[in-house]
Amino acid sequence: MAQPLDVEFNTIDGVTLRGCLYPANQRGPGVVMTSGLICVKEAFGLPKVARDFQKAGITALIYDTRTVGQSGGHPRNDIDPYKQIEDCSDALTFLANHPTVDPSQVGLWGVSLGGAVSLCCASLDPRIRFVISACPILKCEQRKERLPQLLAKAVQDREAQIKGNPPFYHLAFAERRGTIGSSPFLGAHHAGLKDLSIKDPLNPTSEHKLNHEVSFLPNPPNAATIQTTYRFLMWNPFPILEHLHSTPVLFIIPEEDEFIPPNVQLKYFDDLQGPKRLHLEKGSIHTNIFDREGNQEILNKQVEFVRDALNGCVGSKDPKY
């Protein structure tokens, strides 16, 4: 089996994205894999899943999203889900031109925010033959009592950046489980809107307190720009998903998801139109669904789904589990 290759490619607006390619031994299907909010390509067990695809003859591409990890873009850790949808399509263009990939057999894989990005990209890009989406973040909410403070801080930040100041940052994830509800931004809930830094958190000379790491975020710091949270108040992918008609979807739900209640995710699945298949991963939480010992079954199910999707064997009434 070939070793992973470090790769880079450009988006339509000139941002350089960097990642790893896991080439199959022969020409065949390919899959673009997108990670979660401010998470690098090594998070959520992406390399493990990519290797399984590679073993099955499916070339896999994992990459850092713009402003995150080794990819370009500024400010750092500044997330725009709509821009990530476009970038996902550009990543597919890169993958489809690799000699081990048949461009008529390409698909997407995503987890958490990446799961939503992949679904939306598949709704808009007719090249995509299949989608695997795990615990997608399709809705974000802020507590109403915090919203006026957040909006005031976001506008203050915009005014400051226009004057040439660096962006405001706050915690993206808290160390405490079970309080996130349907929002990925515990910083706005658990830590309030305290400014941890007004400097770029990836600047080594920056004086800040961004030392909060969590197990599924191997590349610190655990911070996002406040404009990231501002954008997520406008995040509404559902009109995009109305265009997802004929692309087969494998929807994966962690049984004990601590971020998005499983019953909410099940509603998302039920609302999808077209060919689809559901898998409930028992005993898993949002952050370890693919990165656990002894979970080969879920990896096998993904490979099986890709083959079934490419052969037209996924229906709208497939068994749920």
C-alpha atoms as a PDB file:
ATOM      1  CA  MET A   1       0.000   0.000   0.000  1.00  0.00           C
ATOM      2  CA  ALA A   2       1.381   3.378  -1.030  1.00  0.00           C
ATOM      3  CA  GLN A   3       2.463   5.889   1.595  1.00  0.00           C
ATOM      4  CA  PRO A   4       0.369   9.071   2.045  1.00  0.00           C
ATOM      5  CA  LEU A   5       1.523  11.993  -0.059  1.00  0.00           C
ATOM      6  CA  ASP A   6       1.699  15.579   1.143  1.00  0.00           C
ATOM      7  CA  VAL A   7      -0.250  17.671  -1.358  1.00  0.00           C
ATOM      8  CA  GLU A   8      -1.427  21.231  -1.868  1.00  0.00           C
ATOM      9  CA  PHE A   9      -3.882  22.865  -4.247  1.00  0.00           C
ATOM     10  CA  ASN A  10      -5.514  26.248  -4.771  1.00  0.00           C
ATOM     11  CA  THR A  11      -9.099  27.356  -4.354  1.00  0.00           C
ATOM     12  CA  ILE A  12     -10.848  29.508  -6.927  1.00  0.00           C
ATOM     13  CA  ASP A  13      -9.901  32.645  -4.968  1.00  0.00           C
ATOM     14  CA  GLY A  14      -6.241  31.672  -4.657  1.00  0.00           C
ATOM     15  CA  VAL A  15      -6.036  30.253  -1.111  1.00  0.00           C
ATOM     16  CA  THR A  16      -3.619  27.318  -0.818  1.00  0.00           C
ATOM     17  CA  LEU A  17      -5.082  24.283   0.935  1.00  0.00           C
ATOM     18  CA  ARG A  18      -2.758  21.538   2.156  1.00  0.00           C
ATOM     19  CA  GLY A  19      -3.444  17.936   3.004  1.00  0.00           C
ATOM     20  CA  CYS A  20      -2.526  14.277   2.532  1.00  0.00           C
ATOM     21  CA  LEU A  21      -3.495  11.994  -0.328  1.00  0.00           C
ATOM     22  CA  TYR A  22      -3.894   8.244   0.221  1.00  0.00           C
ATOM     23  CA  PRO A  23      -3.585   6.808  -3.305  1.00  0.00           C
ATOM     24  CA  ALA A  24      -5.152   3.456  -4.114  1.00  0.00           C
ATOM     25  CA  ASN A  25      -3.128   0.812  -5.937  1.00  0.00           C
ATOM     26  CA  GLN A  26      -5.292   1.107  -9.034  1.00  0.00           C
ATOM     27  CA  ARG A  27      -7.484   3.670 -10.744  1.00  0.00           C
ATOM     28  CA  GLY A  28     -10.947   3.828  -9.269  1.00  0.00           C
ATOM     29  CA  PRO A  29     -13.158   5.832  -6.902  1.00  0.00           C
ATOM     30  CA  GLY A  30     -11.975   8.840  -4.927  1.00  0.00           C
ATOM     31  CA  VAL A  31     -13.280  10.633  -1.842  1.00  0.00           C
ATOM     32  CA  VAL A  32     -12.641  14.104  -0.371  1.00  0.00           C
ATOM     33  CA  MET A  33     -12.715  14.132   3.438  1.00  0.00           C
ATOM     34  CA  THR A  34     -13.501  17.269   5.478  1.00  0.00           C
ATOM     35  CA  SER A  35     -13.002  17.611   9.243  1.00  0.00           C
ATOM     36  CA  GLY A  36     -14.863  19.616  11.879  1.00  0.00           C
ATOM     37  CA  LEU A  37     -14.840  23.187  13.138  1.00  0.00           C
ATOM     38  CA  ILE A  38     -11.241  24.501  13.505  1.00  0.00           C
ATOM     39  CA  CYS A  39     -10.115  20.860  13.507  1.00  0.00           C
ATOM     40  CA  VAL A  40      -7.067  19.815  11.531  1.00  0.00           C
ATOM     41  CA  LYS A  41      -7.074  16.924   9.087  1.00  0.00           C
ATOM     42  CA  GLU A  42      -5.720  14.536  11.741  1.00  0.00           C
ATOM     43  CA  ALA A  43      -8.727  15.068  14.037  1.00  0.00           C
ATOM     44  CA  PHE A  44     -11.725  12.742  14.386  1.00  0.00           C
ATOM     45  CA  GLY A  45      -9.645   9.778  13.143  1.00  0.00           C
ATOM     46  CA  LEU A  46      -9.603  10.970   9.508  1.00  0.00           C
ATOM     47  CA  PRO A  47      -6.245   9.291   8.697  1.00  0.00           C
ATOM     48  CA  LYS A  48      -7.608   5.987  10.011  1.00  0.00           C
ATOM     49  CA  VAL A  49     -10.681   6.214   7.779  1.00  0.00           C
ATOM     50  CA  ALA A  50      -8.589   7.356   4.808  1.00  0.00           C
ATOM     51  CA  ARG A  51      -6.331   4.312   5.148  1.00  0.00           C
ATOM     52  CA  ASP A  52      -9.369   2.031   5.171  1.00  0.00           C
ATOM     53  CA  PHE A  53     -10.628   3.629   1.973  1.00  0.00           C
ATOM     54  CA  GLN A  54      -7.177   3.238   0.465  1.00  0.00           C
ATOM     55  CA  LYS A  55      -7.056  -0.464   1.360  1.00  0.00           C
ATOM     56  CA  ALA A  56     -10.434  -0.880  -0.343  1.00  0.00           C
ATOM     57  CA  GLY A  57      -9.169   0.682  -3.583  1.00  0.00           C
ATOM     58  CA  ILE A  58     -10.610   4.155  -2.946  1.00  0.00           C
ATOM     59  CA  THR A  59      -8.189   7.082  -3.130  1.00  0.00           C
ATOM     60  CA  ALA A  60      -8.794   9.465  -0.211  1.00  0.00           C
ATOM     61  CA  LEU A  61      -7.867  13.118   0.280  1.00  0.00           C
ATOM     62  CA  ILE A  62      -7.828  14.697   3.730  1.00  0.00           C
ATOM     63  CA  TYR A  63      -7.032  18.402   4.043  1.00  0.00           C
ATOM     64  CA  ASP A  64      -6.948  21.324   6.447  1.00  0.00           C
ATOM     65  CA  THR A  65      -9.725  23.798   5.736  1.00  0.00           C
ATOM     66  CA  ARG A  66      -8.782  27.389   4.972  1.00  0.00           C
ATOM     67  CA  THR A  67      -7.267  29.352   7.917  1.00  0.00           C
ATOM     68  CA  VAL A  68      -6.719  26.104   9.846  1.00  0.00           C
ATOM     69  CA  GLY A  69      -3.610  23.980  10.357  1.00  0.00           C
ATOM     70  CA  GLN A  70      -1.204  23.971   7.412  1.00  0.00           C
ATOM     71  CA  SER A  71      -3.603  25.585   4.944  1.00  0.00           C
ATOM     72  CA  GLY A  72      -3.471  29.237   3.978  1.00  0.00           C
ATOM     73  CA  GLY A  73      -5.917  31.986   4.743  1.00  0.00           C
ATOM     74  CA  HIS A  74      -6.139  34.794   7.288  1.00  0.00           C
ATOM     75  CA  PRO A  75      -7.136  35.541   9.951  1.00  0.00           C
ATOM     76  CA  ARG A  76      -6.298  32.150  11.401  1.00  0.00           C
ATOM     77  CA  ASN A  77      -9.118  29.950  12.731  1.00  0.00           C
ATOM     78  CA  ASP A  78     -11.636  32.210  11.001  1.00  0.00           C
ATOM     79  CA  ILE A  79     -14.385  29.895   9.742  1.00  0.00           C
ATOM     80  CA  ASP A  80     -16.915  30.565   7.001  1.00  0.00           C
ATOM     81  CA  PRO A  81     -19.059  27.454   6.329  1.00  0.00           C
ATOM     82  CA  TYR A  82     -20.299  28.795   2.991  1.00  0.00           C
ATOM     83  CA  LYS A  83     -16.738  29.350   1.800  1.00  0.00           C
ATOM     84  CA  GLN A  84     -15.868  25.821   2.948  1.00  0.00           C
ATOM     85  CA  ILE A  85     -18.591  24.469   0.663  1.00  0.00           C
ATOM     86  CA  GLU A  86     -16.876  26.125  -2.296  1.00  0.00           C
ATOM     87  CA  ASP A  87     -13.455  24.903  -1.133  1.00  0.00           C
ATOM     88  CA  CYS A  88     -14.771  21.344  -0.900  1.00  0.00           C
ATOM     89  CA  SER A  89     -15.711  21.515  -4.570  1.00  0.00           C
ATOM     90  CA  ASP A  90     -12.217  22.801  -5.422  1.00  0.00           C
ATOM     91  CA  ALA A  91     -10.703  19.930  -3.422  1.00  0.00           C
ATOM     92  CA  LEU A  92     -12.787  17.559  -5.525  1.00  0.00           C
ATOM     93  CA  THR A  93     -11.386  19.139  -8.689  1.00  0.00           C
ATOM     94  CA  PHE A  94      -7.869  18.432  -7.438  1.00  0.00           C
ATOM     95  CA  LEU A  95      -8.690  14.849  -6.469  1.00  0.00           C
ATOM     96  CA  ALA A  96     -10.535  14.069  -9.716  1.00  0.00           C
ATOM     97  CA  ASN A  97      -7.397  14.917 -11.705  1.00  0.00           C
ATOM     98  CA  HIS A  98      -5.187  12.447  -9.836  1.00  0.00           C
ATOM     99  CA  PRO A  99      -4.139   9.441 -11.968  1.00  0.00           C
ATOM    100  CA  THR A 100      -5.508   6.929  -9.426  1.00  0.00           C
ATOM    101  CA  VAL A 101      -8.982   8.487  -9.544  1.00  0.00           C
ATOM    102  CA  ASP A 102     -11.783   7.909 -12.027  1.00  0.00           C
ATOM    103  CA  PRO A 103     -13.507  11.339 -12.161  1.00  0.00           C
ATOM    104  CA  SER A 104     -16.848   9.656 -12.781  1.00  0.00           C
ATOM    105  CA  GLN A 105     -16.624   7.908  -9.362  1.00  0.00           C
ATOM    106  CA  VAL A 106     -15.897  10.683  -6.884  1.00  0.00           C
ATOM    107  CA  GLY A 107     -17.649  11.493  -3.629  1.00  0.00           C
ATOM    108  CA  LEU A 108     -17.451  13.334  -0.319  1.00  0.00           C
ATOM    109  CA  TRP A 109     -17.021  12.412   3.330  1.00  0.00           C
ATOM    110  CA  GLY A 110     -17.434  14.786   6.253  1.00  0.00           C
ATOM    111  CA  VAL A 111     -17.778  14.840  10.024  1.00  0.00           C
ATOM    112  CA  SER A 112     -19.318  17.486  12.299  1.00  0.00           C
ATOM    113  CA  LEU A 113     -19.168  20.801  10.421  1.00  0.00           C
ATOM    114  CA  GLY A 114     -17.486  18.881   7.592  1.00  0.00           C
ATOM    115  CA  GLY A 115     -20.533  16.626   7.452  1.00  0.00           C
ATOM    116  CA  ALA A 116     -22.770  19.614   6.758  1.00  0.00           C
ATOM    117  CA  VAL A 117     -20.294  21.081   4.283  1.00  0.00           C
ATOM    118  CA  SER A 118     -20.177  17.786   2.368  1.00  0.00           C
ATOM    119  CA  LEU A 119     -23.962  17.526   2.162  1.00  0.00           C
ATOM    120  CA  CYS A 120     -24.237  21.090   0.872  1.00  0.00           C
ATOM    121  CA  CYS A 121     -21.437  20.641  -1.635  1.00  0.00           C
ATOM    122  CA  ALA A 122     -23.112  17.492  -2.963  1.00  0.00           C
ATOM    123  CA  SER A 123     -26.323  19.486  -3.361  1.00  0.00           C
ATOM    124  CA  LEU A 124     -24.581  21.909  -5.706  1.00  0.00           C
ATOM    125  CA  ASP A 125     -21.872  19.907  -7.485  1.00  0.00           C
ATOM    126  CA  PRO A 126     -23.232  17.419 -10.073  1.00  0.00           C
ATOM    127  CA  ARG A 127     -19.930  15.500 -10.219  1.00  0.00           C
ATOM    128  CA  ILE A 128     -20.513  13.962  -6.792  1.00  0.00           C
ATOM    129  CA  ARG A 129     -21.703  10.342  -6.830  1.00  0.00           C
ATOM    130  CA  PHE A 130     -21.998   9.696  -3.079  1.00  0.00           C
ATOM    131  CA  VAL A 131     -21.828  11.432   0.309  1.00  0.00           C
ATOM    132  CA  ILE A 132     -20.972  10.125   3.777  1.00  0.00           C
ATOM    133  CA  SER A 133     -22.032  12.591   6.463  1.00  0.00           C
ATOM    134  CA  ALA A 134     -21.429  11.979  10.163  1.00  0.00           C
ATOM    135  CA  CYS A 135     -23.150  14.059  12.873  1.00  0.00           C
ATOM    136  CA  PRO A 136     -23.422  17.156  10.641  1.00  0.00           C
ATOM    137  CA  ILE A 137     -23.805  20.586  12.239  1.00  0.00           C
ATOM    138  CA  LEU A 138     -26.802  21.877  10.312  1.00  0.00           C
ATOM    139  CA  LYS A 139     -28.057  24.359  12.883  1.00  0.00           C
ATOM    140  CA  CYS A 140     -26.356  26.600  15.428  1.00  0.00           C
ATOM    141  CA  GLU A 141     -28.012  28.587  18.137  1.00  0.00           C
ATOM    142  CA  GLN A 142     -26.854  31.047  20.754  1.00  0.00           C
ATOM    143  CA  ARG A 143     -28.512  31.483  24.098  1.00  0.00           C
ATOM    144  CA  LYS A 144     -30.854  34.453  23.830  1.00  0.00           C
ATOM    145  CA  GLU A 145     -29.478  36.167  26.909  1.00  0.00           C
ATOM    146  CA  ARG A 146     -25.999  36.130  25.351  1.00  0.00           C
ATOM    147  CA  LEU A 147     -27.016  37.255  21.883  1.00  0.00           C
ATOM    148  CA  PRO A 148     -27.029  41.066  22.445  1.00  0.00           C
ATOM    149  CA  GLN A 149     -23.556  40.892  23.995  1.00  0.00           C
ATOM    150  CA  LEU A 150     -22.264  38.702  21.178  1.00  0.00           C
ATOM    151  CA  LEU A 151     -23.592  40.983  18.451  1.00  0.00           C
ATOM    152  CA  ALA A 152     -22.192  44.057  20.174  1.00  0.00           C
ATOM    153  CA  LYS A 153     -18.792  42.398  20.468  1.00  0.00           C
ATOM    154  CA  ALA A 154     -18.903  41.232  16.827  1.00  0.00           C
ATOM    155  CA  VAL A 155     -19.637  44.733  15.581  1.00  0.00           C
ATOM    156  CA  GLN A 156     -16.927  46.165  17.833  1.00  0.00           C
ATOM    157  CA  ASP A 157     -14.513  43.638  16.335  1.00  0.00           C
ATOM    158  CA  ARG A 158     -15.462  44.605  12.782  1.00  0.00           C
ATOM    159  CA  GLU A 159     -14.918  48.269  13.574  1.00  0.00           C
ATOM    160  CA  ALA A 160     -11.541  47.470  15.130  1.00  0.00           C
ATOM    161  CA  GLN A 161     -10.391  45.362  12.166  1.00  0.00           C
ATOM    162  CA  ILE A 162     -11.351  48.090   9.700  1.00  0.00           C
ATOM    163  CA  LYS A 163      -8.989  50.359  11.644  1.00  0.00           C
ATOM    164  CA  GLY A 164      -6.203  47.795  11.204  1.00  0.00           C
ATOM    165  CA  ASN A 165      -6.429  45.963  14.519  1.00  0.00           C
ATOM    166  CA  PRO A 166      -6.168  42.162  14.809  1.00  0.00           C
ATOM    167  CA  PRO A 167      -9.356  40.114  15.288  1.00  0.00           C
ATOM    168  CA  PHE A 168     -10.939  39.119  18.575  1.00  0.00           C
ATOM    169  CA  TYR A 169     -10.831  35.423  19.539  1.00  0.00           C
ATOM    170  CA  HIS A 170     -12.686  33.334  22.070  1.00  0.00           C
ATOM    171  CA  LEU A 171     -12.907  29.685  23.064  1.00  0.00           C
ATOM    172  CA  ALA A 172     -14.382  27.394  20.460  1.00  0.00           C
ATOM    173  CA  PHE A 173     -14.800  24.376  22.738  1.00  0.00           C
ATOM    174  CA  ALA A 174     -15.001  24.014  26.491  1.00  0.00           C
ATOM    175  CA  GLU A 175     -13.518  21.211  28.535  1.00  0.00           C
ATOM    176  CA  ARG A 176     -16.889  20.424  30.075  1.00  0.00           C
ATOM    177  CA  ARG A 177     -19.118  17.922  28.270  1.00  0.00           C
ATOM    178  CA  GLY A 178     -22.837  17.912  27.841  1.00  0.00           C
ATOM    179  CA  THR A 179     -23.566  21.654  27.727  1.00  0.00           C
ATOM    180  CA  ILE A 180     -23.238  22.413  24.053  1.00  0.00           C
ATOM    181  CA  GLY A 181     -26.816  21.868  22.891  1.00  0.00           C
ATOM    182  CA  SER A 182     -27.018  22.456  19.158  1.00  0.00           C
ATOM    183  CA  SER A 183     -24.175  24.956  18.996  1.00  0.00           C
ATOM    184  CA  PRO A 184     -20.496  24.149  18.433  1.00  0.00           C
ATOM    185  CA  PHE A 185     -19.440  27.338  20.223  1.00  0.00           C
ATOM    186  CA  LEU A 186     -19.122  26.636  23.910  1.00  0.00           C
ATOM    187  CA  GLY A 187     -17.000  29.745  24.092  1.00  0.00           C
ATOM    188  CA  ALA A 188     -20.127  31.848  23.802  1.00  0.00           C
ATOM    189  CA  HIS A 189     -21.824  29.801  26.543  1.00  0.00           C
ATOM    190  CA  HIS A 190     -19.266  28.473  28.989  1.00  0.00           C
ATOM    191  CA  ALA A 191     -16.604  31.196  28.858  1.00  0.00           C
ATOM    192  CA  GLY A 192     -18.957  34.065  28.181  1.00  0.00           C
ATOM    193  CA  LEU A 193     -17.490  36.524  25.704  1.00  0.00           C
ATOM    194  CA  LYS A 194     -14.269  37.147  27.543  1.00  0.00           C
ATOM    195  CA  ASP A 195     -11.497  38.190  25.164  1.00  0.00           C
ATOM    196  CA  LEU A 196      -8.785  35.581  25.480  1.00  0.00           C
ATOM    197  CA  SER A 197      -6.702  37.456  22.942  1.00  0.00           C
ATOM    198  CA  ILE A 198      -6.983  40.210  20.378  1.00  0.00           C
ATOM    199  CA  LYS A 199      -3.982  38.850  18.494  1.00  0.00           C
ATOM    200  CA  ASP A 200      -3.636  36.071  15.971  1.00  0.00           C
ATOM    201  CA  PRO A 201      -3.602  32.913  18.146  1.00  0.00           C
ATOM    202  CA  LEU A 202      -1.095  31.218  15.835  1.00  0.00           C
ATOM    203  CA  ASN A 203       1.398  34.048  16.319  1.00  0.00           C
ATOM    204  CA  PRO A 204       4.016  32.633  18.722  1.00  0.00           C
ATOM    205  CA  THR A 205       4.762  36.095  20.118  1.00  0.00           C
ATOM    206  CA  SER A 206       1.132  36.684  20.988  1.00  0.00           C
ATOM    207  CA  GLU A 207       0.373  37.029  24.684  1.00  0.00           C
ATOM    208  CA  HIS A 208      -2.764  35.064  25.355  1.00  0.00           C
ATOM    209  CA  LYS A 209      -4.303  32.314  27.447  1.00  0.00           C
ATOM    210  CA  LEU A 210      -5.200  29.991  24.597  1.00  0.00           C
ATOM    211  CA  ASN A 211      -3.930  26.816  26.216  1.00  0.00           C
ATOM    212  CA  HIS A 212      -7.250  24.959  26.335  1.00  0.00           C
ATOM    213  CA  GLU A 213      -6.846  21.732  24.413  1.00  0.00           C
ATOM    214  CA  VAL A 214      -9.299  18.890  24.004  1.00  0.00           C
ATOM    215  CA  SER A 215      -8.553  15.356  22.915  1.00  0.00           C
ATOM    216  CA  PHE A 216     -10.033  15.608  19.430  1.00  0.00           C
ATOM    217  CA  LEU A 217      -8.268  18.889  18.594  1.00  0.00           C
ATOM    218  CA  PRO A 218      -4.595  17.911  18.248  1.00  0.00           C
ATOM    219  CA  ASN A 219      -3.483  21.249  16.842  1.00  0.00           C
ATOM    220  CA  PRO A 220      -4.034  24.059  19.390  1.00  0.00           C
ATOM    221  CA  PRO A 221      -5.122  26.714  20.062  1.00  0.00           C
ATOM    222  CA  ASN A 222      -8.723  26.042  20.921  1.00  0.00           C
ATOM    223  CA  ALA A 223     -10.020  29.367  19.623  1.00  0.00           C
ATOM    224  CA  ALA A 224     -12.024  30.839  16.783  1.00  0.00           C
ATOM    225  CA  THR A 225     -12.556  34.413  15.710  1.00  0.00           C
ATOM    226  CA  ILE A 226     -15.664  36.067  17.027  1.00  0.00           C
ATOM    227  CA  GLN A 227     -16.630  36.647  13.389  1.00  0.00           C
ATOM    228  CA  THR A 228     -16.869  32.854  13.073  1.00  0.00           C
ATOM    229  CA  THR A 229     -19.690  32.826  15.614  1.00  0.00           C
ATOM    230  CA  TYR A 230     -21.275  35.844  13.917  1.00  0.00           C
ATOM    231  CA  ARG A 231     -21.334  33.955  10.604  1.00  0.00           C
ATOM    232  CA  PHE A 232     -22.893  30.897  12.198  1.00  0.00           C
ATOM    233  CA  LEU A 233     -25.848  33.015  13.235  1.00  0.00           C
ATOM    234  CA  MET A 234     -26.458  33.271   9.472  1.00  0.00           C
ATOM    235  CA  TRP A 235     -25.764  29.572   8.828  1.00  0.00           C
ATOM    236  CA  ASN A 236     -28.841  28.059   7.181  1.00  0.00           C
ATOM    237  CA  PRO A 237     -27.962  25.117   4.904  1.00  0.00           C
ATOM    238  CA  PHE A 238     -31.497  23.750   4.595  1.00  0.00           C
ATOM    239  CA  PRO A 239     -32.417  25.650   1.411  1.00  0.00           C
ATOM    240  CA  ILE A 240     -29.235  24.256  -0.157  1.00  0.00           C
ATOM    241  CA  LEU A 241     -30.120  20.711   0.871  1.00  0.00           C
ATOM    242  CA  GLU A 242     -33.387  20.984  -1.034  1.00  0.00           C
ATOM    243  CA  HIS A 243     -31.285  20.451  -4.173  1.00  0.00           C
ATOM    244  CA  LEU A 244     -29.943  17.104  -2.899  1.00  0.00           C
ATOM    245  CA  HIS A 245     -32.216  14.759  -4.837  1.00  0.00           C
ATOM    246  CA  SER A 246     -30.343  11.934  -6.519  1.00  0.00           C
ATOM    247  CA  THR A 247     -26.983  11.670  -4.728  1.00  0.00           C
ATOM    248  CA  PRO A 248     -26.893   8.709  -2.303  1.00  0.00           C
ATOM    249  CA  VAL A 249     -26.198   9.672   1.314  1.00  0.00           C
ATOM    250  CA  LEU A 250     -24.887   7.584   4.200  1.00  0.00           C
ATOM    251  CA  PHE A 251     -25.896   9.414   7.380  1.00  0.00           C
ATOM    252  CA  ILE A 252     -24.001   8.364  10.519  1.00  0.00           C
ATOM    253  CA  ILE A 253     -25.246   9.257  14.011  1.00  0.00           C
ATOM    254  CA  PRO A 254     -23.222   8.735  17.236  1.00  0.00           C
ATOM    255  CA  GLU A 255     -25.546   7.083  19.737  1.00  0.00           C
ATOM    256  CA  GLU A 256     -24.367   9.286  22.636  1.00  0.00           C
ATOM    257  CA  ASP A 257     -23.593  12.502  20.739  1.00  0.00           C
ATOM    258  CA  GLU A 258     -22.902  15.204  23.325  1.00  0.00           C
ATOM    259  CA  PHE A 259     -23.082  18.088  20.832  1.00  0.00           C
ATOM    260  CA  ILE A 260     -26.181  17.418  18.725  1.00  0.00           C
ATOM    261  CA  PRO A 261     -28.958  15.255  20.206  1.00  0.00           C
ATOM    262  CA  PRO A 262     -29.338  12.025  18.193  1.00  0.00           C
ATOM    263  CA  ASN A 263     -33.085  12.591  17.816  1.00  0.00           C
ATOM    264  CA  VAL A 264     -32.333  15.954  16.159  1.00  0.00           C
ATOM    265  CA  GLN A 265     -29.918  14.265  13.783  1.00  0.00           C
ATOM    266  CA  LEU A 266     -32.532  11.619  12.996  1.00  0.00           C
ATOM    267  CA  LYS A 267     -34.927  14.411  12.016  1.00  0.00           C
ATOM    268  CA  TYR A 268     -32.261  15.771   9.652  1.00  0.00           C
ATOM    269  CA  PHE A 269     -31.955  12.324   8.080  1.00  0.00           C
ATOM    270  CA  ASP A 270     -35.703  11.892   7.705  1.00  0.00           C
ATOM    271  CA  ASP A 271     -35.938  15.238   5.923  1.00  0.00           C
ATOM    272  CA  LEU A 272     -33.381  14.261   3.286  1.00  0.00           C
ATOM    273  CA  GLN A 273     -34.854  13.449  -0.094  1.00  0.00           C
ATOM    274  CA  GLY A 274     -33.516  10.804  -2.430  1.00  0.00           C
ATOM    275  CA  PRO A 275     -31.473   7.634  -1.846  1.00  0.00           C
ATOM    276  CA  LYS A 276     -30.153   7.406   1.679  1.00  0.00           C
ATOM    277  CA  ARG A 277     -28.961   5.007   4.333  1.00  0.00           C
ATOM    278  CA  LEU A 278     -28.645   5.503   8.107  1.00  0.00           C
ATOM    279  CA  HIS A 279     -26.157   4.023  10.540  1.00  0.00           C
ATOM    280  CA  LEU A 280     -26.335   4.489  14.325  1.00  0.00           C
ATOM    281  CA  GLU A 281     -22.892   3.995  15.867  1.00  0.00           C
ATOM    282  CA  LYS A 282     -23.576   2.554  19.300  1.00  0.00           C
ATOM    283  CA  GLY A 283     -21.526   3.673  22.280  1.00  0.00           C
ATOM    284  CA  SER A 284     -19.879   6.578  20.469  1.00  0.00           C
ATOM    285  CA  ILE A 285     -19.897  10.317  21.087  1.00  0.00           C
ATOM    286  CA  HIS A 286     -19.501  13.177  18.627  1.00  0.00           C
ATOM    287  CA  THR A 287     -15.730  13.376  18.972  1.00  0.00           C
ATOM    288  CA  ASN A 288     -14.684   9.711  18.896  1.00  0.00           C
ATOM    289  CA  ILE A 289     -17.066   8.176  16.380  1.00  0.00           C
ATOM    290  CA  PHE A 290     -14.248   7.084  14.034  1.00  0.00           C
ATOM    291  CA  ASP A 291     -11.367   7.077  16.480  1.00  0.00           C
ATOM    292  CA  ARG A 292     -12.139   4.181  18.783  1.00  0.00           C
ATOM    293  CA  GLU A 293     -10.643   0.750  19.210  1.00  0.00           C
ATOM    294  CA  GLY A 294     -12.679  -2.097  17.798  1.00  0.00           C
ATOM    295  CA  ASN A 295     -14.930  -0.007  15.543  1.00  0.00           C
ATOM    296  CA  GLN A 296     -14.053  -1.748  12.308  1.00  0.00           C
ATOM    297  CA  GLU A 297     -17.747  -2.302  11.563  1.00  0.00           C
ATOM    298  CA  ILE A 298     -18.408   1.363  10.846  1.00  0.00           C
ATOM    299  CA  LEU A 299     -15.370   1.522   8.584  1.00  0.00           C
ATOM    300  CA  ASN A 300     -16.552  -1.535   6.662  1.00  0.00           C
ATOM    301  CA  LYS A 301     -20.048  -0.070   6.310  1.00  0.00           C
ATOM    302  CA  GLN A 302     -18.637   3.056   4.690  1.00  0.00           C
ATOM    303  CA  VAL A 303     -16.722   1.073   2.074  1.00  0.00           C
ATOM    304  CA  GLU A 304     -19.806  -1.044   1.419  1.00  0.00           C
ATOM    305  CA  PHE A 305     -21.903   2.083   0.977  1.00  0.00           C
ATOM    306  CA  VAL A 306     -19.488   3.599  -1.551  1.00  0.00           C
ATOM    307  CA  ARG A 307     -19.621   0.435  -3.648  1.00  0.00           C
ATOM    308  CA  ASP A 308     -23.411   0.243  -3.405  1.00  0.00           C
ATOM    309  CA  ALA A 309     -23.809   3.915  -4.297  1.00  0.00           C
ATOM    310  CA  LEU A 310     -21.605   3.614  -7.366  1.00  0.00           C
ATOM    311  CA  ASN A 311     -23.583   0.557  -8.445  1.00  0.00           C
ATOM    312  CA  GLY A 312     -26.957   2.234  -7.943  1.00  0.00           C
ATOM    313  CA  CYS A 313     -27.908  -0.033  -5.047  1.00  0.00           C
ATOM    314  CA  VAL A 314     -28.897   2.597  -2.467  1.00  0.00           C
ATOM    315  CA  GLY A 315     -32.613   3.332  -2.230  1.00  0.00           C
ATOM    316  CA  SER A 316     -34.759   5.881  -0.453  1.00  0.00           C
ATOM    317  CA  LYS A 317     -36.192   3.160   1.784  1.00  0.00           C
ATOM    318  CA  ASP A 318     -33.012   1.356   2.806  1.00  0.00           C
ATOM    319  CA  PRO A 319     -32.993  -0.111   6.318  1.00  0.00           C
ATOM    320  CA  LYS A 320     -32.084   2.511   8.903  1.00  0.00           C
ATOM    321  CA  TYR A 321     -29.631   0.491  10.926  1.00  0.00           C
END
